[in-house]
Amino acid sequence: MIHNVGTIDRSIRIAAGVALIAATLLGYIGVWGWLGILPLASGLFQVCPAYSLFGLNTCSASSSKTSR
């Protein structure tokens, strides 16, 4: 699988995902906060299906391929 989420993008996604999930667990927002799982997962796995669909890539050229 080819990575398409770069370092800065990855950090923002993880932070936003954790913040949404934490806000839901603390009762600040409703159940829609569980959608924070999506940016969290795409940040952890460095793959965004929407980026693939639109042909976007925020990785540097050397790090966009997976290593075995």
C-alpha atoms as a PDB file:
ATOM      1  CA  MET A   1       0.000   0.000   0.000  1.00  0.00           C
ATOM      2  CA  ILE A   2       1.357   3.411  -0.918  1.00  0.00           C
ATOM      3  CA  HIS A   3       1.409   6.082   1.774  1.00  0.00           C
ATOM      4  CA  ASN A   4      -0.167   9.393   0.825  1.00  0.00           C
ATOM      5  CA  VAL A   5      -0.271  11.252   4.161  1.00  0.00           C
ATOM      6  CA  GLY A   6       2.826  13.300   5.020  1.00  0.00           C
ATOM      7  CA  THR A   7       4.375  14.075   8.392  1.00  0.00           C
ATOM      8  CA  ILE A   8       2.638  17.368   9.171  1.00  0.00           C
ATOM      9  CA  ASP A   9      -0.684  16.125   7.786  1.00  0.00           C
ATOM     10  CA  ARG A  10      -0.282  12.943   9.847  1.00  0.00           C
ATOM     11  CA  SER A  11       0.342  14.891  13.077  1.00  0.00           C
ATOM     12  CA  ILE A  12      -2.709  17.088  12.516  1.00  0.00           C
ATOM     13  CA  ARG A  13      -4.924  14.076  11.772  1.00  0.00           C
ATOM     14  CA  ILE A  14      -3.793  12.198  14.887  1.00  0.00           C
ATOM     15  CA  ALA A  15      -4.236  15.264  17.114  1.00  0.00           C
ATOM     16  CA  ALA A  16      -7.695  16.014  15.685  1.00  0.00           C
ATOM     17  CA  GLY A  17      -8.803  12.392  16.009  1.00  0.00           C
ATOM     18  CA  VAL A  18      -7.644  12.123  19.611  1.00  0.00           C
ATOM     19  CA  ALA A  19      -9.245  15.485  20.453  1.00  0.00           C
ATOM     20  CA  LEU A  20     -12.616  14.461  18.990  1.00  0.00           C
ATOM     21  CA  ILE A  21     -12.610  11.107  20.767  1.00  0.00           C
ATOM     22  CA  ALA A  22     -11.545  12.706  24.073  1.00  0.00           C
ATOM     23  CA  ALA A  23     -14.251  15.385  23.779  1.00  0.00           C
ATOM     24  CA  THR A  24     -16.826  12.661  23.213  1.00  0.00           C
ATOM     25  CA  LEU A  25     -15.642  10.608  26.177  1.00  0.00           C
ATOM     26  CA  LEU A  26     -15.654  13.697  28.408  1.00  0.00           C
ATOM     27  CA  GLY A  27     -19.179  14.622  27.320  1.00  0.00           C
ATOM     28  CA  TYR A  28     -18.356  17.912  25.583  1.00  0.00           C
ATOM     29  CA  ILE A  29     -19.775  16.779  22.256  1.00  0.00           C
ATOM     30  CA  GLY A  30     -22.245  14.134  21.170  1.00  0.00           C
ATOM     31  CA  VAL A  31     -21.766  10.773  19.563  1.00  0.00           C
ATOM     32  CA  TRP A  32     -20.659  12.329  16.265  1.00  0.00           C
ATOM     33  CA  GLY A  33     -17.274  12.819  17.921  1.00  0.00           C
ATOM     34  CA  TRP A  34     -16.598   9.129  17.361  1.00  0.00           C
ATOM     35  CA  LEU A  35     -15.921  10.150  13.770  1.00  0.00           C
ATOM     36  CA  GLY A  36     -12.526  11.088  15.194  1.00  0.00           C
ATOM     37  CA  ILE A  37     -11.623   7.458  14.573  1.00  0.00           C
ATOM     38  CA  LEU A  38     -11.355   8.256  10.845  1.00  0.00           C
ATOM     39  CA  PRO A  39      -8.630  10.926  11.004  1.00  0.00           C
ATOM     40  CA  LEU A  40      -6.883   8.966  13.755  1.00  0.00           C
ATOM     41  CA  ALA A  41      -6.754   5.809  11.635  1.00  0.00           C
ATOM     42  CA  SER A  42      -5.673   7.628   8.477  1.00  0.00           C
ATOM     43  CA  GLY A  43      -2.913   9.343  10.451  1.00  0.00           C
ATOM     44  CA  LEU A  44      -1.700   6.137  12.044  1.00  0.00           C
ATOM     45  CA  PHE A  45      -1.735   4.133   8.806  1.00  0.00           C
ATOM     46  CA  GLN A  46      -0.564   7.083   6.638  1.00  0.00           C
ATOM     47  CA  VAL A  47      -3.210   6.320   4.021  1.00  0.00           C
ATOM     48  CA  CYS A  48      -6.221   8.487   3.195  1.00  0.00           C
ATOM     49  CA  PRO A  49      -8.799   6.964   0.833  1.00  0.00           C
ATOM     50  CA  ALA A  50     -10.079  10.409  -0.129  1.00  0.00           C
ATOM     51  CA  TYR A  51      -6.558  11.480  -1.127  1.00  0.00           C
ATOM     52  CA  SER A  52      -6.311   8.374  -3.310  1.00  0.00           C
ATOM     53  CA  LEU A  53      -9.664   9.157  -4.917  1.00  0.00           C
ATOM     54  CA  PHE A  54      -8.634  12.702  -5.820  1.00  0.00           C
ATOM     55  CA  GLY A  55      -4.990  11.904  -6.590  1.00  0.00           C
ATOM     56  CA  LEU A  56      -3.547  13.939  -3.709  1.00  0.00           C
ATOM     57  CA  ASN A  57      -0.350  13.135  -1.848  1.00  0.00           C
ATOM     58  CA  THR A  58       1.288  15.067   1.018  1.00  0.00           C
ATOM     59  CA  CYS A  59       4.240  12.674   1.416  1.00  0.00           C
ATOM     60  CA  SER A  60       7.670  13.501   0.143  1.00  0.00           C
ATOM     61  CA  ALA A  61       8.642  11.562  -2.970  1.00  0.00           C
ATOM     62  CA  SER A  62      11.131   9.320  -1.157  1.00  0.00           C
ATOM     63  CA  SER A  63       8.768   8.280   1.636  1.00  0.00           C
ATOM     64  CA  SER A  64       5.599   7.617  -0.366  1.00  0.00           C
ATOM     65  CA  LYS A  65       6.428   3.946  -0.919  1.00  0.00           C
ATOM     66  CA  THR A  66       6.274   1.263   1.714  1.00  0.00           C
ATOM     67  CA  SER A  67       9.285  -0.698   2.808  1.00  0.00           C
ATOM     68  CA  ARG A  68       9.235  -4.454   3.195  1.00  0.00           C
END
